[in-house]
Amino acid sequence: MSLATLIKSIQDIMRKDVGVDGDAQRISQICWLLFLKIYDDKEQEWELTLANYKSPLQGRFRWSNWAKNPEGMTGEELIDFVNNDLFPSLKKLATSAGVSAHGRVVGSVFEDAYNYMKSGTLLRQVINTIEEDVDFNSSSDRHVFNDIYEKILADLQSAGNAGEYYTPRAVTQFMVDILNPQLGESILDPACGTGGFLTCAIEHLKKQVKNPGDDERLQNSIHGVEKKPLPHMLAMTNMMLHGINVPTNIRHDNTLSRPFKDYGPRDRMDIIITNPPFGGMEEDGIEKNFLAKHQTRETADLFMALIMHLLKYDTGRAAVVLPDGFLFGEGVKTTLKRELLEEFNLHTIVRLPKGVFAPYTSIATNILFFEKGGPTQDVWFFEHPYPEGYKSYSRSKPLSIEEFDLEKAWWGGPQRKGRKTTEYAWMVPAKEIAEKNYNLDAVGKNPHQVAVHHGDPTELMAEYQDISRQLAAAQQVLKTELLNALRATSGEQA
């Protein structure tokens, strides 16, 4: 069964259930079922590969014991088991003392999860469909999960709430490739969504693993925070499928809810890579966690203040997706940009064209690359062009990773040596940016674009009126010819 057919068949079954109201609930239902299926497949692997592995779940709560048999529990018995036995037991793992790390992972996934289905017969049909068609111990089916959650995200978008945690795979891959994380470096996405940046980082680091010690360093280096239950559940599942067996560093929390003063040296990161939510406002009081000069309710600005604070001194580096509004905005944004230039090396801004995030948003976005331990001397801008023949991107024609070969060829390696001005790239001294009150958008207009001269308005109006007269005369001639032809035809018939 194809991926699209699998998800559609599950959703079609759920639509018959009176308890599931709308796409968001259907998707949430699919996600917790998939998690338990995947977790069970992983447990079978861990029992063979990890010494003394002991499941944190009671035997009767393991997928293979209550769900795997297609002729197993169904109807009211199944609903009663899920609602009154399974869910309460899994939720307790989030808070009970003495729970293993594996158990805390399950608990964090289920603390805000719900079973919306009311028909045990339909729930059994969904379970059987998942069990029959997906084997996550198969390497080919593991790769399918990437496509499954992207299909889920596409469905979420139609439910109206996916844009804040979806970043195109080409963008995440490019940002990881440029930052080039190394084994032993700590990596954080403070708004990790479903874990796209982190899975790219994991795959990048796996190429450096040579022995079990290296693998342990990789396991401990990945950090993420996501405040919404559904993307957090997907992120946890995604981490396990990419080899992070105990993703306890992927926290279900609001990164912005922790006071600045509570962060110490141990919280600082080598690499921060993220696409923080933009355009949103935080709840009252969140801004009080920040320094007075950074206090605002705008989410992206608060994330930027925190990212700058959490980078390690001298070695920390970051790549952050931000909208055009940050580049030209004032107030707290000006304060942040001044600090970026005075205390960091804001060495590169890649300006992405509109449509990169289609259909989630049409807002133009930028990738800011910076390092702690400034000040900035010069900022390089690179305007990413559309492929030939494109006027925008779409779901059927998305941005591809191959397009970023243009930036990579120009980049100049890790030390950014030998950069040259091109039709897409230009450099602006930090002093000039300061003189323009840190308006990065004003200096971020491509100076090499060919100016289009539209002509004198008076001349254009006269030309328009002349064309209009010619068009009216042509229409009159055509009308006369048609009438003559009709008369001639009528005469012949007579």
Protein backbone atom coordinates (compact mmCIF):
# COMPACT_ATOMS: atom_id res chain seq x y z
CA MET A 1 0.00 0.00 0.00
CA SER A 2 1.34 3.46 -0.88
CA LEU A 3 1.87 6.07 1.81
CA ALA A 4 -0.92 8.32 0.57
CA THR A 5 -3.29 5.34 0.40
CA LEU A 6 -2.31 4.21 3.92
CA ILE A 7 -2.98 7.58 5.55
CA LYS A 8 -6.17 8.10 3.54
CA SER A 9 -7.53 4.67 4.42
CA ILE A 10 -6.89 5.33 8.14
CA GLN A 11 -8.55 8.73 7.94
CA ASP A 12 -11.53 7.30 6.06
CA ILE A 13 -12.11 4.80 8.87
CA MET A 14 -11.83 7.56 11.49
CA ARG A 15 -14.37 9.75 9.66
CA LYS A 16 -16.99 7.14 10.52
CA ASP A 17 -16.29 7.61 14.24
CA VAL A 18 -18.53 10.16 16.00
CA GLY A 19 -15.85 10.94 18.58
CA VAL A 20 -13.25 12.31 16.15
CA ASP A 21 -13.99 15.89 15.16
CA GLY A 22 -11.91 17.29 12.31
CA ASP A 23 -8.50 16.74 10.73
CA ALA A 24 -6.45 17.85 13.74
CA GLN A 25 -8.00 15.19 16.00
CA ARG A 26 -7.69 12.52 13.30
CA ILE A 27 -4.01 13.33 12.87
CA SER A 28 -3.37 13.33 16.63
CA GLN A 29 -5.05 9.92 16.84
CA ILE A 30 -2.88 8.53 14.03
CA CYS A 31 0.26 9.90 15.70
CA TRP A 32 -0.12 8.24 19.09
CA LEU A 33 -1.00 4.93 17.45
CA LEU A 34 2.04 5.16 15.17
CA PHE A 35 4.23 6.05 18.15
CA LEU A 36 3.22 2.94 20.08
CA LYS A 37 3.70 0.76 16.99
CA ILE A 38 7.16 2.23 16.38
CA TYR A 39 8.10 2.03 20.07
CA ASP A 40 7.19 -1.65 20.12
CA ASP A 41 9.31 -2.32 17.04
CA LYS A 42 12.21 -0.45 18.70
CA GLU A 43 11.80 -2.43 21.93
CA GLN A 44 12.18 -5.67 20.01
CA GLU A 45 15.45 -4.29 18.63
CA TRP A 46 16.68 -3.05 22.04
CA GLU A 47 16.02 -6.42 23.65
CA LEU A 48 18.52 -7.89 21.19
CA THR A 49 21.11 -5.09 21.18
CA LEU A 50 21.06 -3.47 24.65
CA ALA A 51 22.35 -5.44 27.62
CA ASN A 52 19.75 -5.94 30.34
CA TYR A 53 17.11 -3.87 28.56
CA LYS A 54 13.85 -3.86 30.53
CA SER A 55 10.67 -2.40 29.10
CA PRO A 56 9.15 0.43 31.17
CA LEU A 57 5.70 -0.79 30.10
CA GLN A 58 3.74 -3.52 31.79
CA GLY A 59 3.50 -6.50 29.46
CA ARG A 60 -0.20 -6.00 28.71
CA PHE A 61 0.43 -2.40 27.56
CA ARG A 62 2.99 -3.28 24.89
CA TRP A 63 1.60 -2.98 21.37
CA SER A 64 2.53 -6.55 20.49
CA ASN A 65 0.37 -7.84 23.37
CA TRP A 66 -2.83 -5.82 22.89
CA ALA A 67 -2.84 -4.55 19.31
CA LYS A 68 -0.82 -6.88 17.10
CA ASN A 69 -3.36 -9.73 16.88
CA PRO A 70 -5.96 -8.73 14.23
CA GLU A 71 -8.50 -10.91 16.02
CA GLY A 72 -7.71 -9.38 19.42
CA MET A 73 -9.66 -6.94 21.55
CA THR A 74 -12.33 -4.93 19.77
CA GLY A 75 -15.60 -3.11 20.45
CA GLU A 76 -16.36 -1.84 23.96
CA GLU A 77 -13.64 -4.02 25.48
CA LEU A 78 -10.96 -2.26 23.41
CA ILE A 79 -12.24 1.26 24.14
CA ASP A 80 -12.45 0.49 27.86
CA PHE A 81 -8.89 -0.87 27.85
CA VAL A 82 -7.45 2.13 25.97
CA ASN A 83 -9.28 4.81 27.98
CA ASN A 84 -9.18 3.31 31.47
CA ASP A 85 -6.02 1.18 31.50
CA LEU A 86 -3.56 2.07 28.71
CA PHE A 87 -3.69 5.87 28.76
CA PRO A 88 -3.65 6.34 32.56
CA SER A 89 -0.67 3.98 32.81
CA LEU A 90 1.32 5.73 30.05
CA LYS A 91 0.55 9.22 31.39
CA LYS A 92 1.86 8.24 34.86
CA LEU A 93 5.28 7.52 33.37
CA ALA A 94 5.77 11.30 32.94
CA THR A 95 5.64 12.00 36.70
CA SER A 96 6.22 8.75 38.60
CA ALA A 97 9.41 8.39 40.63
CA GLY A 98 11.95 5.76 39.60
CA VAL A 99 10.86 5.61 35.96
CA SER A 100 13.65 4.73 33.51
CA ALA A 101 14.76 7.15 30.79
CA HIS A 102 12.90 5.04 28.22
CA GLY A 103 9.76 5.31 30.36
CA ARG A 104 10.07 9.09 30.66
CA VAL A 105 10.13 9.29 26.85
CA VAL A 106 6.80 7.47 26.65
CA GLY A 107 5.36 9.56 29.47
CA SER A 108 6.32 12.86 27.85
CA VAL A 109 4.62 11.80 24.61
CA PHE A 110 1.38 10.79 26.30
CA GLU A 111 0.99 13.44 29.00
CA ASP A 112 -1.14 15.54 26.61
CA ALA A 113 -2.36 12.82 24.24
CA TYR A 114 -5.99 11.67 24.02
CA ASN A 115 -7.99 8.86 22.48
CA TYR A 116 -10.78 10.55 20.55
CA MET A 117 -12.31 7.43 19.02
CA LYS A 118 -15.49 6.06 20.59
CA SER A 119 -16.02 2.98 18.43
CA GLY A 120 -13.81 0.07 19.41
CA THR A 121 -14.70 -1.69 16.18
CA LEU A 122 -13.41 1.22 14.07
CA LEU A 123 -10.34 1.59 16.32
CA ARG A 124 -9.54 -2.10 15.71
CA GLN A 125 -9.79 -1.48 11.95
CA VAL A 126 -7.31 1.41 12.23
CA ILE A 127 -4.89 -0.66 14.34
CA ASN A 128 -5.06 -3.58 11.89
CA THR A 129 -4.35 -1.24 8.96
CA ILE A 130 -1.23 0.12 10.69
CA GLU A 131 -0.08 -3.33 11.76
CA GLU A 132 -0.53 -4.85 8.29
CA ASP A 133 1.14 -2.12 6.26
CA VAL A 134 4.02 -0.66 8.30
CA ASP A 135 7.07 -2.48 9.71
CA PHE A 136 9.49 -0.06 11.31
CA ASN A 137 12.08 -2.77 11.80
CA SER A 138 12.35 -2.76 8.01
CA SER A 139 14.93 -0.20 6.85
CA SER A 140 12.78 0.76 3.88
CA ASP A 141 9.73 1.37 6.09
CA ARG A 142 11.79 3.45 8.51
CA HIS A 143 12.55 5.89 5.74
CA VAL A 144 8.83 6.00 5.02
CA PHE A 145 8.25 7.78 8.32
CA ASN A 146 9.82 10.96 6.94
CA ASP A 147 7.18 10.89 4.23
CA ILE A 148 4.45 9.94 6.70
CA TYR A 149 5.01 12.95 8.91
CA GLU A 150 5.35 15.28 5.93
CA LYS A 151 2.00 13.93 4.68
CA ILE A 152 0.59 14.48 8.16
CA LEU A 153 1.93 18.04 8.13
CA ALA A 154 0.34 18.67 4.75
CA ASP A 155 -2.97 17.49 6.21
CA LEU A 156 -2.43 19.64 9.29
CA GLN A 157 -1.91 22.63 7.02
CA SER A 158 -5.40 22.15 5.65
CA ALA A 159 -6.57 22.07 9.27
CA GLY A 160 -5.03 25.52 9.57
CA ASN A 161 -2.22 25.13 12.11
CA ALA A 162 0.90 23.65 10.55
CA GLY A 163 2.81 26.68 9.31
CA GLU A 164 4.48 27.42 12.60
CA TYR A 165 6.49 24.22 12.73
CA TYR A 166 7.22 23.25 9.15
CA THR A 167 10.48 24.10 7.37
CA PRO A 168 11.18 22.78 3.85
CA ARG A 169 13.68 19.94 3.90
CA ALA A 170 16.01 21.71 1.44
CA VAL A 171 16.33 24.68 3.83
CA THR A 172 17.07 22.51 6.87
CA GLN A 173 19.65 20.50 4.91
CA PHE A 174 21.39 23.62 3.60
CA MET A 175 21.63 25.20 7.05
CA VAL A 176 23.08 22.01 8.57
CA ASP A 177 25.54 21.61 5.69
CA ILE A 178 26.82 25.16 6.22
CA LEU A 179 27.11 24.90 10.03
CA ASN A 180 28.82 21.51 9.61
CA PRO A 181 28.32 20.15 13.17
CA GLN A 182 31.05 17.92 14.57
CA LEU A 183 30.83 15.00 17.01
CA GLY A 184 30.98 16.28 20.56
CA GLU A 185 29.35 19.61 19.77
CA SER A 186 26.04 20.37 21.45
CA ILE A 187 23.18 21.21 19.06
CA LEU A 188 19.90 22.91 19.98
CA ASP A 189 16.68 23.74 18.19
CA PRO A 190 14.66 25.76 20.75
CA ALA A 191 11.48 25.55 18.61
CA CYS A 192 12.03 22.12 17.11
CA GLY A 193 8.55 21.28 15.78
CA THR A 194 8.69 17.76 14.35
CA GLY A 195 12.50 17.68 14.52
CA GLY A 196 13.48 18.45 10.92
CA PHE A 197 16.65 20.39 11.75
CA LEU A 198 17.71 17.85 14.36
CA THR A 199 17.24 14.81 12.10
CA CYS A 200 19.35 16.53 9.43
CA ALA A 201 22.03 17.15 12.06
CA ILE A 202 21.88 13.52 13.21
CA GLU A 203 22.37 12.22 9.66
CA HIS A 204 25.29 14.64 9.24
CA LEU A 205 26.93 13.42 12.48
CA LYS A 206 26.35 9.72 11.74
CA LYS A 207 28.94 9.95 8.95
CA GLN A 208 31.53 10.76 11.64
CA VAL A 209 30.70 7.81 13.95
CA LYS A 210 33.51 5.24 14.08
CA ASN A 211 32.92 3.40 17.38
CA PRO A 212 30.36 2.97 20.22
CA GLY A 213 31.86 5.91 22.09
CA ASP A 214 31.21 8.17 19.11
CA ASP A 215 27.60 6.98 18.98
CA GLU A 216 27.13 7.82 22.67
CA ARG A 217 28.45 11.33 22.06
CA LEU A 218 25.98 11.72 19.22
CA GLN A 219 23.10 10.51 21.42
CA ASN A 220 23.89 13.14 24.04
CA SER A 221 24.51 16.06 21.70
CA ILE A 222 20.98 16.58 20.29
CA HIS A 223 18.67 18.98 22.15
CA GLY A 224 15.24 20.34 21.27
CA VAL A 225 12.18 21.96 22.83
CA GLU A 226 8.63 22.02 21.47
CA LYS A 227 5.64 23.35 23.35
CA LYS A 228 2.79 21.82 21.31
CA PRO A 229 1.88 18.18 22.01
CA LEU A 230 1.38 16.94 18.44
CA PRO A 231 4.66 18.13 16.86
CA HIS A 232 6.47 17.08 20.04
CA MET A 233 5.08 13.55 19.66
CA LEU A 234 6.22 13.51 16.04
CA ALA A 235 9.66 14.82 17.02
CA MET A 236 10.13 12.09 19.64
CA THR A 237 9.13 9.42 17.14
CA ASN A 238 11.38 10.95 14.51
CA MET A 239 14.36 10.96 16.88
CA MET A 240 13.95 7.26 17.66
CA LEU A 241 13.72 6.37 13.99
CA HIS A 242 16.97 8.28 13.41
CA GLY A 243 18.82 6.34 16.10
CA ILE A 244 18.34 8.53 19.21
CA ASN A 245 17.10 5.71 21.41
CA VAL A 246 16.25 7.78 24.47
CA PRO A 247 15.37 11.30 23.27
CA THR A 248 14.89 12.77 26.75
CA ASN A 249 16.69 15.91 25.55
CA ILE A 250 13.67 16.67 23.33
CA ARG A 251 11.55 18.45 25.92
CA HIS A 252 7.84 19.21 25.81
CA ASP A 253 7.97 22.79 27.07
CA ASN A 254 7.91 26.46 26.09
CA THR A 255 11.54 27.55 25.72
CA LEU A 256 10.56 31.15 26.45
CA SER A 257 8.99 30.37 29.84
CA ARG A 258 12.33 29.99 31.63
CA PRO A 259 13.81 33.19 33.13
CA PHE A 260 17.06 34.46 31.60
CA LYS A 261 18.77 34.46 34.99
CA ASP A 262 18.22 30.71 35.36
CA TYR A 263 20.48 29.87 32.42
CA GLY A 264 24.06 29.05 33.35
CA PRO A 265 27.25 27.99 31.53
CA ARG A 266 26.03 24.38 31.26
CA ASP A 267 23.05 25.53 29.21
CA ARG A 268 25.17 27.17 26.50
CA MET A 269 25.34 25.46 23.11
CA ASP A 270 27.93 25.09 20.36
CA ILE A 271 25.28 25.24 17.63
CA ILE A 272 21.75 26.64 17.53
CA ILE A 273 19.74 26.03 14.38
CA THR A 274 16.08 26.93 14.15
CA ASN A 275 13.10 28.49 12.41
CA PRO A 276 11.34 30.15 15.35
CA PRO A 277 7.61 30.92 15.06
CA PHE A 278 7.15 34.43 13.68
CA GLY A 279 4.17 36.69 13.50
CA GLY A 280 2.82 35.41 16.82
CA MET A 281 2.45 36.98 20.23
CA GLU A 282 3.34 35.32 23.53
CA GLU A 283 0.95 35.26 26.47
CA ASP A 284 1.12 38.04 29.04
CA GLY A 285 4.03 37.71 31.44
CA ILE A 286 6.39 35.68 29.24
CA GLU A 287 8.34 38.84 28.34
CA LYS A 288 9.15 39.34 32.05
CA ASN A 289 11.55 36.37 31.78
CA PHE A 290 13.81 38.54 29.61
CA LEU A 291 16.07 41.53 30.16
CA ALA A 292 14.23 44.86 30.11
CA LYS A 293 15.86 45.88 26.81
CA HIS A 294 14.50 42.73 25.12
CA GLN A 295 10.99 42.73 26.53
CA THR A 296 8.33 42.34 23.86
CA ARG A 297 5.47 39.94 23.24
CA GLU A 298 6.61 39.16 19.69
CA THR A 299 7.70 35.52 19.63
CA ALA A 300 10.51 35.67 17.06
CA ASP A 301 12.23 38.58 18.84
CA LEU A 302 12.19 36.75 22.18
CA PHE A 303 13.66 33.67 20.52
CA MET A 304 16.43 35.75 18.97
CA ALA A 305 17.31 37.25 22.36
CA LEU A 306 17.46 33.75 23.87
CA ILE A 307 19.48 32.27 20.99
CA MET A 308 22.08 35.03 21.32
CA HIS A 309 22.23 34.42 25.08
CA LEU A 310 22.63 30.63 24.82
CA LEU A 311 25.48 30.46 22.30
CA LYS A 312 28.86 29.55 23.77
CA TYR A 313 31.37 32.36 23.92
CA ASP A 314 33.89 32.44 21.06
CA THR A 315 32.84 29.05 19.62
CA GLY A 316 29.04 29.26 19.36
CA ARG A 317 27.49 29.56 15.91
CA ALA A 318 23.91 29.78 14.70
CA ALA A 319 21.66 29.71 11.66
CA VAL A 320 18.19 31.20 12.12
CA VAL A 321 15.28 31.70 9.70
CA LEU A 322 13.63 35.11 10.16
CA PRO A 323 11.09 37.16 8.16
CA ASP A 324 11.86 40.41 6.38
CA GLY A 325 10.10 42.21 9.22
CA PHE A 326 13.02 41.49 11.53
CA LEU A 327 15.46 43.05 9.07
CA PHE A 328 13.72 46.42 8.85
CA GLY A 329 11.82 46.44 12.18
CA GLU A 330 12.53 48.91 14.96
CA GLY A 331 12.28 48.98 18.75
CA VAL A 332 13.46 45.70 20.30
CA LYS A 333 14.44 44.51 16.82
CA THR A 334 16.88 47.44 16.50
CA THR A 335 18.35 46.58 19.91
CA LEU A 336 18.85 42.95 18.87
CA LYS A 337 20.43 43.90 15.53
CA ARG A 338 22.81 46.35 17.19
CA GLU A 339 23.92 43.59 19.60
CA LEU A 340 24.27 41.17 16.68
CA LEU A 341 26.74 43.53 15.02
CA GLU A 342 28.58 44.62 18.17
CA GLU A 343 28.86 41.29 20.03
CA PHE A 344 28.56 38.69 17.25
CA ASN A 345 29.92 38.15 13.77
CA LEU A 346 26.83 38.37 11.59
CA HIS A 347 28.79 37.26 8.56
CA THR A 348 26.07 36.16 6.10
CA ILE A 349 22.40 36.72 5.35
CA VAL A 350 20.85 34.52 2.66
CA ARG A 351 17.74 36.21 1.31
CA LEU A 352 15.17 33.61 0.26
CA PRO A 353 12.57 34.46 -2.39
CA LYS A 354 8.85 34.46 -1.75
CA GLY A 355 7.14 31.11 -1.95
CA VAL A 356 9.82 29.03 -0.20
CA PHE A 357 7.35 28.27 2.60
CA ALA A 358 4.31 27.93 0.30
CA PRO A 359 1.55 27.08 0.90
CA TYR A 360 2.03 27.83 4.62
CA THR A 361 3.00 31.47 4.20
CA SER A 362 3.98 33.86 1.42
CA ILE A 363 6.15 35.96 3.74
CA ALA A 364 9.67 36.57 2.43
CA THR A 365 12.29 35.03 4.73
CA ASN A 366 16.03 35.14 5.39
CA ILE A 367 18.64 32.87 6.94
CA LEU A 368 20.96 34.69 9.34
CA PHE A 369 24.33 33.02 9.97
CA PHE A 370 26.28 34.38 12.94
CA GLU A 371 28.95 33.48 15.48
CA LYS A 372 29.47 34.59 19.06
CA GLY A 373 32.56 36.68 19.66
CA GLY A 374 32.18 39.68 17.33
CA PRO A 375 32.13 42.46 16.48
CA THR A 376 30.96 42.21 12.88
CA GLN A 377 33.20 43.89 10.31
CA ASP A 378 31.14 43.24 7.19
CA VAL A 379 27.86 41.50 6.37
CA TRP A 380 27.62 39.51 3.14
CA PHE A 381 24.20 39.22 1.52
CA PHE A 382 23.32 36.46 -0.93
CA GLU A 383 20.04 36.68 -2.82
CA HIS A 384 18.84 33.19 -3.69
CA PRO A 385 17.45 33.25 -7.25
CA TYR A 386 14.51 31.29 -8.61
CA PRO A 387 15.42 28.48 -11.02
CA GLU A 388 15.08 29.42 -14.66
CA GLY A 389 11.44 29.54 -15.69
CA TYR A 390 10.13 29.84 -12.10
CA LYS A 391 8.15 32.81 -10.84
CA SER A 392 7.48 31.22 -7.45
CA TYR A 393 7.63 27.91 -5.59
CA SER A 394 4.66 25.67 -4.86
CA ARG A 395 3.94 22.32 -3.30
CA SER A 396 4.40 20.65 -6.68
CA LYS A 397 7.54 22.71 -7.42
CA PRO A 398 9.33 23.16 -4.08
CA LEU A 399 12.78 24.55 -3.41
CA SER A 400 15.38 21.79 -3.92
CA ILE A 401 18.68 21.25 -2.09
CA GLU A 402 20.54 21.28 -5.42
CA GLU A 403 19.64 24.95 -5.84
CA PHE A 404 21.85 25.78 -2.84
CA ASP A 405 24.92 24.56 -4.75
CA LEU A 406 25.13 28.18 -5.90
CA GLU A 407 25.62 29.42 -2.32
CA LYS A 408 27.93 26.53 -1.40
CA ALA A 409 30.25 27.19 -4.36
CA TRP A 410 30.45 30.87 -3.38
CA TRP A 411 30.67 30.37 0.40
CA GLY A 412 34.44 29.99 0.67
CA GLY A 413 34.56 26.96 2.96
CA PRO A 414 34.52 27.02 6.79
CA GLN A 415 36.66 30.17 6.91
CA ARG A 416 34.63 31.90 4.17
CA LYS A 417 37.79 32.71 2.18
CA GLY A 418 37.82 34.27 -1.26
CA ARG A 419 34.26 35.50 -1.38
CA LYS A 420 33.51 37.68 -4.37
CA THR A 421 30.79 40.09 -5.36
CA THR A 422 28.49 38.53 -7.96
CA GLU A 423 25.10 39.24 -9.45
CA TYR A 424 23.66 37.50 -6.36
CA ALA A 425 26.17 38.49 -3.65
CA TRP A 426 27.28 41.80 -2.17
CA MET A 427 29.02 43.02 0.98
CA VAL A 428 28.03 45.87 3.30
CA PRO A 429 30.33 47.24 6.05
CA ALA A 430 28.87 47.08 9.57
CA LYS A 431 29.53 50.83 9.92
CA GLU A 432 27.14 51.56 7.04
CA ILE A 433 24.46 49.38 8.62
CA ALA A 434 24.83 51.25 11.93
CA GLU A 435 24.48 54.56 10.10
CA LYS A 436 21.14 53.35 8.70
CA ASN A 437 19.90 52.59 12.23
CA TYR A 438 20.57 48.85 11.74
CA ASN A 439 18.04 48.51 8.94
CA LEU A 440 19.35 45.32 7.34
CA ASP A 441 16.61 45.37 4.72
CA ALA A 442 17.66 48.81 3.43
CA VAL A 443 21.21 47.62 2.75
CA GLY A 444 19.98 44.16 1.76
CA LYS A 445 18.57 45.20 -1.61
CA ASN A 446 20.56 43.60 -4.43
CA PRO A 447 22.59 46.44 -6.02
CA HIS A 448 23.25 44.33 -9.12
CA GLN A 449 19.65 43.99 -10.21
CA VAL A 450 18.92 45.62 -13.54
CA ALA A 451 16.75 48.67 -12.90
CA VAL A 452 13.51 48.70 -14.83
CA HIS A 453 12.62 52.18 -16.16
CA HIS A 454 8.85 52.40 -16.58
CA GLY A 455 8.87 55.78 -18.37
CA ASP A 456 7.31 59.17 -17.77
CA PRO A 457 3.73 58.85 -16.40
CA THR A 458 2.40 61.56 -18.80
CA GLU A 459 3.89 59.80 -21.82
CA LEU A 460 2.60 56.45 -20.59
CA MET A 461 -0.93 57.82 -20.21
CA ALA A 462 -0.87 59.32 -23.74
CA GLU A 463 0.37 55.98 -25.10
CA TYR A 464 -2.38 54.14 -23.24
CA GLN A 465 -5.07 56.49 -24.60
CA ASP A 466 -3.77 56.07 -28.17
CA ILE A 467 -3.81 52.29 -27.84
CA SER A 468 -7.35 52.47 -26.43
CA ARG A 469 -8.51 54.55 -29.47
CA GLN A 470 -6.89 52.05 -31.86
CA LEU A 471 -8.57 49.18 -30.03
CA ALA A 472 -12.00 50.89 -30.20
CA ALA A 473 -11.56 51.55 -33.95
CA ALA A 474 -10.57 47.91 -34.55
CA GLN A 475 -13.61 46.71 -32.60
CA GLN A 476 -15.88 48.94 -34.71
CA VAL A 477 -14.40 47.61 -37.97
CA LEU A 478 -14.85 44.04 -36.75
CA LYS A 479 -18.45 44.75 -35.72
CA THR A 480 -19.24 46.26 -39.18
CA GLU A 481 -17.71 43.29 -40.99
CA LEU A 482 -19.70 40.83 -38.86
CA LEU A 483 -22.96 42.68 -39.55
CA ASN A 484 -22.27 42.73 -43.33
CA ALA A 485 -21.51 39.03 -43.25
CA LEU A 486 -24.76 38.30 -41.38
CA ARG A 487 -26.79 40.39 -43.88
CA ALA A 488 -25.20 38.63 -46.85
CA THR A 489 -25.96 35.24 -45.30
CA SER A 490 -29.61 36.26 -44.68
CA GLY A 491 -29.95 37.42 -48.32
CA GLU A 492 -28.65 34.11 -49.65
CA GLN A 493 -31.09 32.14 -47.49
CA ALA A 494 -33.95 34.31 -48.68
